[in-house]
Every structure is written in C-alpha cells, then in structure tokens.
C-alpha cells in the first residue's frame, strides 16, 4: 500500500512566533546576503525568492555550490560551531528573508523538540540534494547539468505544471552554475527551445516544461 506523502512544513508559520532576535530582511536581485569569511552569527530563512551559495578559492576562482529557493535556510553552519561563513550567499531574484540570531535559533531548537526534529529532517533532505548535485557535477554531461539546474530553479516536482524560472537569468550565470562555457550553454538552450522544453516569454522570462526531464533521465 503506497505511503501518504507528508505535507511540507510551514516554516514561516513556525518561525512567525519568534520575536526578539528575528528581523525581516529584503534584498534586490544580485545582492549579497553574507560573504565568505564574515562572522557566522545568524541563520536566514528564505520566505520569497531564489539565491545561490558560492565559494572562492585562495587563487580567486569562484564556484557555485548550491541554488536555494523559498522554504530553504541559509547559514546553518553557525549552529554547528562554524565561527566564519564558509560561502557567500547572493540573491538571484528579489528576496524576502527572516534573519534569526544564532543564540535565538539555538534556544528554540533546544526548547522546542518538535521544531528541532523538523529542522534536522530539513537539513538531511538538503544534504541528500547536495550529494545529488555533487554526483551530477562529477558524472553527468554539461547538457544534463544545465537541464537539472533549470528544473531545480523551476521547483520541478513541487507542482504538476510549468513554472517561470526567473524574470531574467543570464547565460553567464547559468554557465557558472553548470561549470561550462557560455557558448555551450547558449547551444543547449537553443536546443531545448527548439525541442519545446523551454520557452522565452516577455521581458526574457523563461518557462521550463516537464519534457526537459527527459534530458536528465536519458542515458
């Protein structure tokens, strides 16, 4: 007998009751939320928008390690004793976030066991996704990686419909996420468009259709 799918956690409702130590932060697109090397003194919850985590090597090379959507947390490493930010968080679209001080979040997790259990489950789910991202980077072609990133940005699987990804997303940004050149991204995007997997709309908006999943699943 198939198991019933559990309802998503309404983190905004759970966090809404917190007062001291929680503030609302709003950022426009392409703005820095926190930088690698800064003190890790708070955790962020994305209420609306999309963001990315990137790291910069000592040689100055930058790599995007994750893309995050509404319902995700940023900066959880501070709860595990991380003194400094290990990555830079940057908005991809306009974002509305809760900023929660480290001391407050630690107290909530200690005192409210139901929230603590849900938070641990959320982090484990995120780790599974990060592992899938790593496997994708190591073993899949750049075409498959691009398709998977577009599906993730479109929240594919959350609802059974096509969804606009972004009002604007540059091919340079996509190339950085995929780990390939802009010319390769341009080639694959044109291919996806001709096959009907993506569609450009007004103001360079992009819609991803479920047929793009065939690129990821194809051996």
N, C-alpha and C. Protein backbone atom coordinates (compact mmCIF):
# COMPACT_ATOMS: atom_id res chain seq x y z
N UNK A 1 0.85 -1.20 0.00
CA UNK A 1 0.00 0.00 0.00
C UNK A 1 0.88 1.24 0.00
N UNK A 2 0.67 2.16 -0.95
CA UNK A 2 1.55 3.34 -1.03
C UNK A 2 1.40 4.21 0.20
N UNK A 3 2.54 4.75 0.63
CA UNK A 3 2.51 5.63 1.80
C UNK A 3 2.05 7.01 1.39
N UNK A 4 1.34 7.66 2.30
CA UNK A 4 0.85 9.00 2.03
C UNK A 4 1.99 10.00 2.15
N UNK A 5 2.11 10.86 1.15
CA UNK A 5 3.19 11.84 1.14
C UNK A 5 2.94 12.88 2.23
N UNK A 6 3.95 13.14 3.05
CA UNK A 6 3.79 14.09 4.15
C UNK A 6 3.72 15.51 3.59
N UNK A 7 2.92 16.33 4.27
CA UNK A 7 2.75 17.72 3.84
C UNK A 7 4.02 18.50 4.13
N UNK A 8 4.34 19.49 3.30
CA UNK A 8 5.54 20.29 3.56
C UNK A 8 5.39 21.08 4.85
N UNK A 9 6.51 21.31 5.50
CA UNK A 9 6.50 22.05 6.76
C UNK A 9 6.30 23.54 6.49
N UNK A 10 5.38 24.15 7.22
CA UNK A 10 5.15 25.58 7.09
C UNK A 10 6.11 26.30 8.04
N UNK A 11 7.35 26.47 7.59
CA UNK A 11 8.37 27.08 8.43
C UNK A 11 8.05 28.52 8.75
N UNK A 12 7.42 29.22 7.82
CA UNK A 12 7.11 30.63 8.07
C UNK A 12 6.16 30.75 9.28
N UNK A 13 5.18 29.86 9.36
CA UNK A 13 4.25 29.89 10.49
C UNK A 13 4.96 29.52 11.79
N UNK A 14 5.88 28.54 11.72
CA UNK A 14 6.60 28.12 12.92
C UNK A 14 7.53 29.22 13.43
N UNK A 15 8.12 29.95 12.48
CA UNK A 15 9.07 31.00 12.87
C UNK A 15 8.40 32.33 13.16
N UNK A 16 7.14 32.47 12.75
CA UNK A 16 6.45 33.75 12.92
C UNK A 16 6.30 34.14 14.39
N UNK A 17 6.22 33.13 15.27
CA UNK A 17 6.05 33.42 16.69
C UNK A 17 7.28 33.93 17.39
N UNK A 18 8.42 33.86 16.74
CA UNK A 18 9.66 34.36 17.35
C UNK A 18 9.68 35.88 17.27
N UNK A 19 10.09 36.51 18.36
CA UNK A 19 10.08 37.97 18.37
C UNK A 19 11.50 38.52 18.48
N UNK A 20 12.03 38.63 19.67
CA UNK A 20 13.36 39.17 19.84
C UNK A 20 14.40 38.29 19.17
N UNK A 21 15.26 38.92 18.38
CA UNK A 21 16.30 38.15 17.70
C UNK A 21 15.94 37.76 16.29
N UNK A 22 14.75 38.13 15.83
CA UNK A 22 14.34 37.84 14.46
C UNK A 22 13.93 39.12 13.76
N UNK A 23 14.47 39.35 12.57
CA UNK A 23 14.12 40.52 11.78
C UNK A 23 13.81 40.09 10.35
N UNK A 24 13.13 40.96 9.63
CA UNK A 24 12.84 40.72 8.22
C UNK A 24 13.88 41.45 7.38
N UNK A 25 14.46 40.75 6.43
CA UNK A 25 15.47 41.35 5.54
C UNK A 25 14.98 41.25 4.10
N UNK A 26 15.11 42.33 3.37
CA UNK A 26 14.72 42.35 1.96
C UNK A 26 15.91 42.77 1.10
N UNK A 27 16.10 42.04 0.00
CA UNK A 27 17.21 42.32 -0.90
C UNK A 27 16.70 42.29 -2.34
N UNK A 28 17.26 43.19 -3.16
CA UNK A 28 17.00 43.12 -4.58
C UNK A 28 17.82 42.01 -5.22
N UNK A 29 17.62 41.79 -6.50
CA UNK A 29 18.36 40.75 -7.21
C UNK A 29 19.85 41.07 -7.25
N UNK A 30 20.66 40.03 -7.21
CA UNK A 30 22.12 40.14 -7.31
C UNK A 30 22.71 40.96 -6.17
N UNK A 31 22.17 40.78 -4.96
CA UNK A 31 22.70 41.45 -3.78
C UNK A 31 23.28 40.40 -2.82
N UNK A 32 24.30 40.80 -2.07
CA UNK A 32 24.97 39.89 -1.15
C UNK A 32 24.21 39.84 0.18
N UNK A 33 23.89 38.63 0.63
CA UNK A 33 23.24 38.43 1.93
C UNK A 33 24.32 38.32 3.01
N UNK A 34 25.32 37.51 2.77
CA UNK A 34 26.52 37.47 3.61
C UNK A 34 27.69 36.97 2.77
N UNK A 35 28.91 37.28 3.24
CA UNK A 35 30.11 36.95 2.47
C UNK A 35 30.95 35.89 3.17
N UNK A 36 31.63 35.12 2.36
CA UNK A 36 32.59 34.13 2.86
C UNK A 36 33.62 34.83 3.73
N UNK A 37 33.85 34.28 4.94
CA UNK A 37 34.82 34.85 5.85
C UNK A 37 34.25 35.79 6.89
N UNK A 38 32.98 36.21 6.73
CA UNK A 38 32.35 37.07 7.72
C UNK A 38 31.95 36.25 8.95
N UNK A 39 31.77 36.89 10.11
CA UNK A 39 31.33 36.16 11.31
C UNK A 39 29.99 35.47 11.06
N UNK A 40 29.90 34.20 11.46
CA UNK A 40 28.67 33.42 11.28
C UNK A 40 27.83 33.58 12.54
N UNK A 41 26.99 34.60 12.56
CA UNK A 41 26.25 34.95 13.78
C UNK A 41 24.75 34.84 13.64
N UNK A 42 24.26 34.33 12.50
CA UNK A 42 22.82 34.26 12.28
C UNK A 42 22.50 33.23 11.21
N UNK A 43 21.21 32.88 11.16
CA UNK A 43 20.70 31.96 10.15
C UNK A 43 19.58 32.67 9.40
N UNK A 44 19.43 32.40 8.12
CA UNK A 44 18.40 33.05 7.31
C UNK A 44 17.41 32.01 6.80
N UNK A 45 16.15 32.41 6.74
CA UNK A 45 15.10 31.59 6.13
C UNK A 45 14.54 32.37 4.95
N UNK A 46 14.53 31.74 3.76
CA UNK A 46 14.05 32.41 2.56
C UNK A 46 12.53 32.32 2.50
N UNK A 47 11.86 33.45 2.63
CA UNK A 47 10.40 33.49 2.54
C UNK A 47 9.95 33.58 1.08
N UNK A 48 10.64 34.40 0.32
CA UNK A 48 10.34 34.56 -1.10
C UNK A 48 11.64 34.77 -1.86
N UNK A 49 11.71 34.21 -3.07
CA UNK A 49 12.86 34.46 -3.93
C UNK A 49 13.80 33.27 -4.06
N UNK A 50 14.88 33.49 -4.78
CA UNK A 50 15.88 32.47 -5.04
C UNK A 50 17.26 33.06 -4.76
N UNK A 51 18.17 32.21 -4.29
CA UNK A 51 19.53 32.67 -4.00
C UNK A 51 20.53 31.58 -4.35
N UNK A 52 21.80 31.90 -4.25
CA UNK A 52 22.85 30.92 -4.54
C UNK A 52 23.94 31.02 -3.50
N UNK A 53 24.63 29.91 -3.28
CA UNK A 53 25.81 29.87 -2.42
C UNK A 53 27.02 29.64 -3.30
N UNK A 54 28.06 30.44 -3.11
CA UNK A 54 29.29 30.29 -3.90
C UNK A 54 30.49 30.38 -2.98
N UNK A 55 31.58 29.75 -3.41
CA UNK A 55 32.83 29.81 -2.65
C UNK A 55 33.94 30.30 -3.57
N UNK A 56 34.91 30.96 -2.98
CA UNK A 56 36.06 31.48 -3.73
C UNK A 56 37.32 30.85 -3.17
N UNK A 57 38.12 30.27 -4.06
CA UNK A 57 39.36 29.63 -3.64
C UNK A 57 40.42 30.67 -3.33
N UNK A 58 41.53 30.24 -2.75
CA UNK A 58 42.63 31.16 -2.45
C UNK A 58 43.24 31.74 -3.72
N UNK A 59 43.01 31.07 -4.86
CA UNK A 59 43.50 31.59 -6.14
C UNK A 59 42.51 32.54 -6.79
N UNK A 60 41.35 32.75 -6.13
CA UNK A 60 40.37 33.68 -6.66
C UNK A 60 39.34 33.07 -7.58
N UNK A 61 39.35 31.73 -7.71
CA UNK A 61 38.37 31.08 -8.58
C UNK A 61 37.07 30.86 -7.82
N UNK A 62 35.94 31.24 -8.44
CA UNK A 62 34.64 31.13 -7.80
C UNK A 62 33.85 29.96 -8.36
N UNK A 63 33.13 29.27 -7.47
CA UNK A 63 32.28 28.16 -7.89
C UNK A 63 30.96 28.23 -7.14
N UNK A 64 29.84 28.03 -7.84
CA UNK A 64 28.53 27.98 -7.22
C UNK A 64 28.29 26.57 -6.70
N UNK A 65 28.00 26.45 -5.41
CA UNK A 65 27.84 25.13 -4.80
C UNK A 65 26.39 24.76 -4.57
N UNK A 66 25.48 25.73 -4.61
CA UNK A 66 24.06 25.40 -4.40
C UNK A 66 23.18 26.55 -4.85
N UNK A 67 21.98 26.21 -5.32
CA UNK A 67 20.94 27.20 -5.57
C UNK A 67 19.80 26.90 -4.61
N UNK A 68 19.23 27.95 -4.01
CA UNK A 68 18.24 27.78 -2.96
C UNK A 68 16.98 28.56 -3.30
N UNK A 69 15.84 28.03 -2.85
CA UNK A 69 14.55 28.61 -3.16
C UNK A 69 13.81 28.98 -1.88
N UNK A 70 12.63 29.56 -2.05
CA UNK A 70 11.77 29.86 -0.90
C UNK A 70 11.52 28.57 -0.12
N UNK A 71 11.63 28.67 1.21
CA UNK A 71 11.47 27.49 2.05
C UNK A 71 12.79 26.90 2.51
N UNK A 72 13.91 27.41 1.98
CA UNK A 72 15.23 26.92 2.36
C UNK A 72 15.86 27.84 3.41
N UNK A 73 16.85 27.29 4.12
CA UNK A 73 17.62 28.05 5.10
C UNK A 73 19.01 28.35 4.55
N UNK A 74 19.60 29.42 5.05
CA UNK A 74 20.97 29.81 4.72
C UNK A 74 21.76 30.00 6.01
N UNK A 75 23.03 29.60 5.99
CA UNK A 75 23.91 29.89 7.11
C UNK A 75 23.75 28.99 8.31
N UNK A 76 23.23 27.76 8.11
CA UNK A 76 23.02 26.85 9.23
C UNK A 76 24.32 26.42 9.91
N UNK A 77 25.46 26.59 9.22
CA UNK A 77 26.73 26.15 9.78
C UNK A 77 27.06 26.80 11.11
N UNK A 78 26.51 28.00 11.35
CA UNK A 78 26.80 28.69 12.62
C UNK A 78 26.26 27.90 13.80
N UNK A 79 25.21 27.10 13.58
CA UNK A 79 24.61 26.32 14.67
C UNK A 79 25.49 25.15 15.07
N UNK A 80 26.42 24.78 14.19
CA UNK A 80 27.33 23.67 14.48
C UNK A 80 28.70 24.16 14.92
N UNK A 81 28.78 25.45 15.28
CA UNK A 81 30.03 26.00 15.79
C UNK A 81 30.92 26.64 14.75
N UNK A 82 30.41 26.84 13.54
CA UNK A 82 31.20 27.49 12.49
C UNK A 82 31.39 28.96 12.87
N UNK A 83 32.62 29.42 13.10
CA UNK A 83 32.81 30.83 13.51
C UNK A 83 32.69 31.81 12.34
N UNK A 84 33.04 31.37 11.13
CA UNK A 84 33.02 32.24 9.95
C UNK A 84 32.19 31.60 8.84
N UNK A 85 31.62 32.43 7.99
CA UNK A 85 30.87 31.93 6.85
C UNK A 85 31.81 31.19 5.90
N UNK A 86 31.39 30.00 5.49
CA UNK A 86 32.19 29.19 4.59
C UNK A 86 31.88 29.47 3.12
N UNK A 87 30.81 30.24 2.86
CA UNK A 87 30.42 30.55 1.49
C UNK A 87 29.79 31.93 1.46
N UNK A 88 29.60 32.44 0.26
CA UNK A 88 28.92 33.71 0.05
C UNK A 88 27.51 33.43 -0.44
N UNK A 89 26.51 34.07 0.16
CA UNK A 89 25.11 33.93 -0.25
C UNK A 89 24.71 35.18 -1.03
N UNK A 90 24.21 34.98 -2.25
CA UNK A 90 23.83 36.08 -3.12
C UNK A 90 22.43 35.84 -3.66
N UNK A 91 21.63 36.87 -3.74
CA UNK A 91 20.29 36.72 -4.29
C UNK A 91 20.35 36.57 -5.80
N UNK A 92 19.46 35.73 -6.33
CA UNK A 92 19.30 35.61 -7.78
C UNK A 92 18.12 36.47 -8.22
N UNK A 93 17.06 36.48 -7.41
CA UNK A 93 15.90 37.34 -7.64
C UNK A 93 15.72 38.23 -6.41
N UNK A 94 14.72 39.09 -6.43
CA UNK A 94 14.34 39.82 -5.22
C UNK A 94 14.01 38.80 -4.13
N UNK A 95 14.49 39.03 -2.92
CA UNK A 95 14.31 38.07 -1.83
C UNK A 95 13.77 38.75 -0.58
N UNK A 96 12.91 38.01 0.13
CA UNK A 96 12.42 38.41 1.44
C UNK A 96 12.78 37.29 2.40
N UNK A 97 13.51 37.62 3.47
CA UNK A 97 14.02 36.59 4.37
C UNK A 97 13.76 36.94 5.83
N UNK A 98 13.73 35.91 6.65
CA UNK A 98 13.84 36.08 8.09
C UNK A 98 15.32 35.95 8.45
N UNK A 99 15.85 36.91 9.22
CA UNK A 99 17.18 36.77 9.79
C UNK A 99 17.01 36.45 11.27
N UNK A 100 17.54 35.31 11.69
CA UNK A 100 17.36 34.84 13.06
C UNK A 100 18.73 34.73 13.71
N UNK A 101 18.90 35.41 14.84
CA UNK A 101 20.19 35.37 15.52
C UNK A 101 20.51 33.96 15.98
N UNK A 102 21.78 33.62 15.92
CA UNK A 102 22.25 32.28 16.28
C UNK A 102 21.77 31.86 17.67
N UNK A 103 21.90 32.74 18.65
CA UNK A 103 21.53 32.39 20.03
C UNK A 103 20.05 32.07 20.14
N UNK A 104 19.21 32.81 19.41
CA UNK A 104 17.77 32.56 19.43
C UNK A 104 17.44 31.20 18.80
N UNK A 105 18.03 30.91 17.65
CA UNK A 105 17.73 29.65 16.97
C UNK A 105 18.20 28.46 17.80
N UNK A 106 19.35 28.58 18.44
CA UNK A 106 19.84 27.50 19.30
C UNK A 106 18.90 27.26 20.47
N UNK A 107 18.39 28.34 21.02
CA UNK A 107 17.46 28.19 22.15
C UNK A 107 16.16 27.53 21.71
N UNK A 108 15.65 27.93 20.54
CA UNK A 108 14.42 27.34 20.02
C UNK A 108 14.60 25.84 19.77
N UNK A 109 15.72 25.47 19.16
CA UNK A 109 15.98 24.06 18.87
C UNK A 109 16.14 23.25 20.15
N UNK A 110 16.65 23.88 21.20
CA UNK A 110 16.85 23.19 22.48
C UNK A 110 15.52 23.04 23.24
N UNK A 111 14.68 24.05 23.16
CA UNK A 111 13.46 24.05 23.97
C UNK A 111 12.25 23.44 23.25
N UNK A 112 12.21 23.53 21.94
CA UNK A 112 11.04 23.05 21.18
C UNK A 112 11.46 21.84 20.34
N UNK A 113 11.24 20.66 20.91
CA UNK A 113 11.74 19.44 20.27
C UNK A 113 11.04 19.14 18.94
N UNK A 114 9.77 19.55 18.82
CA UNK A 114 9.08 19.30 17.56
C UNK A 114 9.71 20.10 16.43
N UNK A 115 10.13 21.35 16.72
CA UNK A 115 10.81 22.16 15.71
C UNK A 115 12.21 21.60 15.45
N UNK A 116 12.89 21.14 16.49
CA UNK A 116 14.23 20.56 16.33
C UNK A 116 14.20 19.36 15.40
N UNK A 117 13.20 18.47 15.58
CA UNK A 117 13.10 17.28 14.73
C UNK A 117 12.82 17.66 13.28
N UNK A 118 11.94 18.62 13.08
CA UNK A 118 11.63 19.07 11.72
C UNK A 118 12.85 19.71 11.06
N UNK A 119 13.62 20.47 11.85
CA UNK A 119 14.79 21.15 11.31
C UNK A 119 15.87 20.13 10.91
N UNK A 120 16.08 19.11 11.73
CA UNK A 120 17.05 18.06 11.40
C UNK A 120 16.62 17.35 10.11
N UNK A 121 15.32 17.04 9.99
CA UNK A 121 14.82 16.38 8.78
C UNK A 121 15.04 17.26 7.56
N UNK A 122 14.85 18.57 7.74
CA UNK A 122 15.06 19.51 6.63
C UNK A 122 16.52 19.50 6.20
N UNK A 123 17.44 19.52 7.16
CA UNK A 123 18.87 19.53 6.84
C UNK A 123 19.29 18.23 6.16
N UNK A 124 18.75 17.10 6.61
CA UNK A 124 19.08 15.82 5.97
C UNK A 124 18.61 15.81 4.53
N UNK A 125 17.42 16.36 4.29
CA UNK A 125 16.91 16.44 2.92
C UNK A 125 17.81 17.31 2.06
N UNK A 126 18.30 18.43 2.63
CA UNK A 126 19.22 19.29 1.90
C UNK A 126 20.52 18.56 1.59
N UNK A 127 21.04 17.77 2.53
CA UNK A 127 22.28 17.03 2.30
C UNK A 127 22.13 16.03 1.17
N UNK A 128 20.96 15.39 1.10
CA UNK A 128 20.69 14.46 0.00
C UNK A 128 20.76 15.20 -1.33
N UNK A 129 20.20 16.40 -1.37
CA UNK A 129 20.23 17.19 -2.59
C UNK A 129 21.64 17.61 -2.95
N UNK A 130 22.44 18.00 -1.94
CA UNK A 130 23.82 18.38 -2.20
C UNK A 130 24.63 17.20 -2.74
N UNK A 131 24.37 16.00 -2.21
CA UNK A 131 25.06 14.81 -2.72
C UNK A 131 24.69 14.57 -4.18
N UNK A 132 23.40 14.75 -4.49
CA UNK A 132 22.96 14.58 -5.88
C UNK A 132 23.63 15.62 -6.78
N UNK A 133 23.79 16.85 -6.26
CA UNK A 133 24.48 17.89 -7.03
C UNK A 133 25.92 17.49 -7.31
N UNK A 134 26.59 16.91 -6.32
CA UNK A 134 27.98 16.51 -6.48
C UNK A 134 28.11 15.39 -7.50
N UNK A 135 27.23 14.38 -7.42
CA UNK A 135 27.24 13.29 -8.39
C UNK A 135 26.98 13.83 -9.78
N UNK A 136 26.04 14.78 -9.87
CA UNK A 136 25.71 15.40 -11.15
C UNK A 136 26.93 16.09 -11.74
N UNK A 137 27.67 16.80 -10.90
CA UNK A 137 28.86 17.54 -11.36
C UNK A 137 29.97 16.60 -11.79
N UNK A 138 30.11 15.47 -11.09
CA UNK A 138 31.22 14.55 -11.36
C UNK A 138 30.98 13.66 -12.58
N UNK A 139 29.72 13.25 -12.78
CA UNK A 139 29.49 12.18 -13.75
C UNK A 139 28.60 12.55 -14.93
N UNK A 140 27.86 13.63 -14.87
CA UNK A 140 26.94 13.95 -15.95
C UNK A 140 27.53 14.98 -16.91
N UNK A 141 27.01 14.97 -18.12
CA UNK A 141 27.45 15.92 -19.14
C UNK A 141 26.94 17.32 -18.78
N UNK A 142 27.55 18.32 -19.40
CA UNK A 142 27.12 19.69 -19.13
C UNK A 142 25.68 19.92 -19.59
N UNK A 143 25.24 19.20 -20.62
CA UNK A 143 23.85 19.34 -21.07
C UNK A 143 22.89 18.85 -19.99
N UNK A 144 23.19 17.70 -19.38
CA UNK A 144 22.35 17.18 -18.31
C UNK A 144 22.39 18.08 -17.09
N UNK A 145 23.56 18.62 -16.78
CA UNK A 145 23.69 19.50 -15.62
C UNK A 145 22.86 20.76 -15.80
N UNK A 146 22.88 21.32 -17.01
CA UNK A 146 22.08 22.50 -17.30
C UNK A 146 20.60 22.19 -17.17
N UNK A 147 20.17 21.06 -17.72
CA UNK A 147 18.77 20.67 -17.63
C UNK A 147 18.34 20.51 -16.17
N UNK A 148 19.19 19.89 -15.36
CA UNK A 148 18.85 19.66 -13.96
C UNK A 148 18.76 20.98 -13.19
N UNK A 149 19.68 21.91 -13.46
CA UNK A 149 19.65 23.20 -12.79
C UNK A 149 18.39 23.97 -13.15
N UNK A 150 17.99 23.94 -14.42
CA UNK A 150 16.76 24.62 -14.83
C UNK A 150 15.54 24.02 -14.13
N UNK A 151 15.52 22.69 -14.01
CA UNK A 151 14.40 22.03 -13.32
C UNK A 151 14.38 22.38 -11.84
N UNK A 152 15.56 22.45 -11.21
CA UNK A 152 15.62 22.82 -9.80
C UNK A 152 15.16 24.26 -9.59
N UNK A 153 15.60 25.16 -10.45
CA UNK A 153 15.20 26.55 -10.34
C UNK A 153 13.70 26.72 -10.56
N UNK A 154 13.11 25.83 -11.36
CA UNK A 154 11.68 25.88 -11.64
C UNK A 154 10.86 25.15 -10.59
N UNK A 155 11.53 24.63 -9.54
CA UNK A 155 10.82 23.88 -8.49
C UNK A 155 10.10 22.68 -9.09
N UNK A 156 10.69 22.04 -10.10
CA UNK A 156 10.01 20.91 -10.74
C UNK A 156 9.74 19.82 -9.70
N UNK A 157 8.54 19.28 -9.72
CA UNK A 157 8.14 18.26 -8.77
C UNK A 157 7.31 18.80 -7.65
N UNK A 158 7.39 20.13 -7.40
CA UNK A 158 6.57 20.75 -6.36
C UNK A 158 5.12 20.83 -6.82
N UNK A 159 4.92 21.14 -8.09
CA UNK A 159 3.58 21.22 -8.66
C UNK A 159 3.64 20.66 -10.06
N UNK A 160 2.53 20.11 -10.52
CA UNK A 160 2.50 19.45 -11.82
C UNK A 160 2.17 20.45 -12.92
N UNK A 161 2.98 21.46 -13.05
CA UNK A 161 2.79 22.45 -14.11
C UNK A 161 4.13 23.12 -14.40
N UNK A 162 4.18 23.76 -15.57
CA UNK A 162 5.37 24.53 -15.89
C UNK A 162 5.39 25.78 -15.03
N UNK A 163 6.58 26.26 -14.72
CA UNK A 163 6.71 27.43 -13.85
C UNK A 163 7.79 28.35 -14.38
N UNK A 164 7.54 29.67 -14.43
CA UNK A 164 8.61 30.59 -14.82
C UNK A 164 9.79 30.45 -13.87
N UNK A 165 10.98 30.39 -14.43
CA UNK A 165 12.17 30.27 -13.59
C UNK A 165 12.54 31.62 -13.01
N UNK A 166 12.80 32.56 -13.85
CA UNK A 166 13.25 33.88 -13.42
C UNK A 166 12.77 34.92 -14.43
N UNK A 167 12.54 36.16 -13.98
CA UNK A 167 12.28 37.21 -14.95
C UNK A 167 13.46 37.36 -15.92
N UNK A 168 14.66 37.25 -15.39
CA UNK A 168 15.86 37.32 -16.20
C UNK A 168 16.92 36.42 -15.58
N UNK A 169 17.59 35.64 -16.38
CA UNK A 169 18.73 34.87 -15.91
C UNK A 169 19.74 34.82 -17.04
N UNK A 170 20.93 35.31 -16.78
CA UNK A 170 21.92 35.41 -17.84
C UNK A 170 22.55 34.05 -18.11
N UNK A 171 22.98 33.88 -19.35
CA UNK A 171 23.65 32.63 -19.72
C UNK A 171 25.02 32.55 -19.06
N UNK A 172 25.60 33.69 -18.72
CA UNK A 172 26.86 33.67 -17.97
C UNK A 172 26.64 33.05 -16.59
N UNK A 173 25.53 33.42 -15.93
CA UNK A 173 25.22 32.85 -14.61
C UNK A 173 24.97 31.35 -14.72
N UNK A 174 24.22 30.94 -15.73
CA UNK A 174 23.96 29.52 -15.93
C UNK A 174 25.25 28.76 -16.20
N UNK A 175 26.14 29.35 -16.98
CA UNK A 175 27.42 28.71 -17.27
C UNK A 175 28.23 28.50 -16.01
N UNK A 176 28.19 29.49 -15.10
CA UNK A 176 28.91 29.38 -13.84
C UNK A 176 28.31 28.28 -12.97
N UNK A 177 26.98 28.17 -12.95
CA UNK A 177 26.32 27.13 -12.17
C UNK A 177 26.63 25.74 -12.71
N UNK A 178 26.66 25.63 -14.03
CA UNK A 178 26.88 24.33 -14.67
C UNK A 178 28.36 23.94 -14.64
N UNK A 179 29.24 24.94 -14.70
CA UNK A 179 30.66 24.66 -14.78
C UNK A 179 31.12 24.44 -16.20
N UNK A 180 30.59 25.26 -17.12
CA UNK A 180 30.96 25.15 -18.52
C UNK A 180 31.05 26.55 -19.11
N UNK A 181 31.16 26.65 -20.42
CA UNK A 181 31.30 27.96 -21.07
C UNK A 181 29.94 28.52 -21.46
N UNK A 182 29.91 29.83 -21.66
CA UNK A 182 28.66 30.47 -22.08
C UNK A 182 28.22 29.97 -23.44
N UNK A 183 29.17 29.72 -24.34
CA UNK A 183 28.81 29.25 -25.68
C UNK A 183 28.13 27.89 -25.64
N UNK A 184 28.59 27.00 -24.72
CA UNK A 184 27.95 25.70 -24.58
C UNK A 184 26.54 25.84 -24.03
N UNK A 185 26.37 26.74 -23.05
CA UNK A 185 25.03 26.98 -22.50
C UNK A 185 24.11 27.51 -23.59
N UNK A 186 24.60 28.45 -24.39
CA UNK A 186 23.79 29.02 -25.47
C UNK A 186 23.36 27.94 -26.46
N UNK A 187 24.29 27.03 -26.78
CA UNK A 187 23.98 25.94 -27.70
C UNK A 187 22.87 25.04 -27.14
N UNK A 188 22.99 24.67 -25.86
CA UNK A 188 22.00 23.77 -25.26
C UNK A 188 20.66 24.47 -25.06
N UNK A 189 20.68 25.75 -24.70
CA UNK A 189 19.42 26.48 -24.52
C UNK A 189 18.66 26.59 -25.84
N UNK A 190 19.38 26.83 -26.93
CA UNK A 190 18.73 26.86 -28.24
C UNK A 190 18.15 25.49 -28.59
N UNK A 191 18.89 24.44 -28.25
CA UNK A 191 18.40 23.08 -28.49
C UNK A 191 17.13 22.80 -27.68
N UNK A 192 17.16 23.17 -26.39
CA UNK A 192 15.98 22.95 -25.53
C UNK A 192 14.77 23.72 -26.05
N UNK A 193 15.02 24.96 -26.54
CA UNK A 193 13.92 25.78 -27.05
C UNK A 193 13.30 25.15 -28.29
N UNK A 194 14.14 24.68 -29.21
CA UNK A 194 13.64 24.07 -30.45
C UNK A 194 12.86 22.79 -30.17
N UNK A 195 13.24 22.07 -29.10
CA UNK A 195 12.54 20.84 -28.74
C UNK A 195 11.27 21.11 -27.91
N UNK A 196 11.05 22.36 -27.56
CA UNK A 196 9.85 22.71 -26.80
C UNK A 196 9.97 22.49 -25.31
N UNK A 197 11.21 22.30 -24.82
CA UNK A 197 11.41 22.05 -23.39
C UNK A 197 11.41 23.34 -22.57
N UNK A 198 11.80 24.44 -23.20
CA UNK A 198 11.77 25.75 -22.54
C UNK A 198 11.13 26.75 -23.48
N UNK A 199 10.68 27.85 -22.90
CA UNK A 199 10.01 28.88 -23.68
C UNK A 199 10.34 30.25 -23.10
N UNK A 200 10.81 31.14 -23.97
CA UNK A 200 11.08 32.50 -23.55
C UNK A 200 9.81 33.33 -23.69
N UNK A 201 9.54 34.16 -22.67
CA UNK A 201 8.35 35.00 -22.70
C UNK A 201 8.72 36.46 -22.66
N UNK A 202 7.79 37.26 -22.15
CA UNK A 202 8.02 38.70 -22.07
C UNK A 202 9.15 39.01 -21.10
N UNK A 203 9.87 40.07 -21.37
CA UNK A 203 10.98 40.52 -20.51
C UNK A 203 12.01 39.42 -20.27
N UNK A 204 12.23 38.57 -21.28
CA UNK A 204 13.21 37.49 -21.20
C UNK A 204 12.87 36.46 -20.12
N UNK A 205 11.60 36.42 -19.70
CA UNK A 205 11.17 35.39 -18.74
C UNK A 205 11.33 34.01 -19.36
N UNK A 206 11.58 33.03 -18.53
CA UNK A 206 11.83 31.68 -19.01
C UNK A 206 10.89 30.71 -18.33
N UNK A 207 10.21 29.87 -19.12
CA UNK A 207 9.33 28.83 -18.59
C UNK A 207 9.93 27.47 -18.92
N UNK A 208 9.98 26.60 -17.93
CA UNK A 208 10.51 25.26 -18.10
C UNK A 208 9.35 24.27 -18.15
N UNK A 209 9.36 23.42 -19.16
CA UNK A 209 8.31 22.41 -19.30
C UNK A 209 8.82 21.05 -18.85
N UNK A 210 7.89 20.19 -18.44
CA UNK A 210 8.26 18.91 -17.85
C UNK A 210 9.04 18.01 -18.82
N UNK A 211 8.92 18.26 -20.13
CA UNK A 211 9.66 17.45 -21.10
C UNK A 211 11.16 17.53 -20.93
N UNK A 212 11.65 18.60 -20.27
CA UNK A 212 13.09 18.75 -20.06
C UNK A 212 13.63 17.63 -19.18
N UNK A 213 12.76 17.01 -18.39
CA UNK A 213 13.19 15.90 -17.54
C UNK A 213 13.76 14.75 -18.35
N UNK A 214 13.33 14.60 -19.60
CA UNK A 214 13.83 13.52 -20.45
C UNK A 214 15.32 13.65 -20.71
N UNK A 215 15.83 14.88 -20.71
CA UNK A 215 17.28 15.09 -20.90
C UNK A 215 18.05 14.55 -19.71
N UNK A 216 17.52 14.77 -18.50
CA UNK A 216 18.18 14.29 -17.29
C UNK A 216 18.13 12.78 -17.19
N UNK A 217 17.01 12.18 -17.57
CA UNK A 217 16.81 10.75 -17.43
C UNK A 217 17.43 9.94 -18.56
N UNK A 218 17.73 10.58 -19.68
CA UNK A 218 18.26 9.85 -20.84
C UNK A 218 19.70 9.42 -20.60
N UNK A 219 19.99 8.12 -20.86
CA UNK A 219 21.35 7.59 -20.71
C UNK A 219 22.18 7.85 -21.96
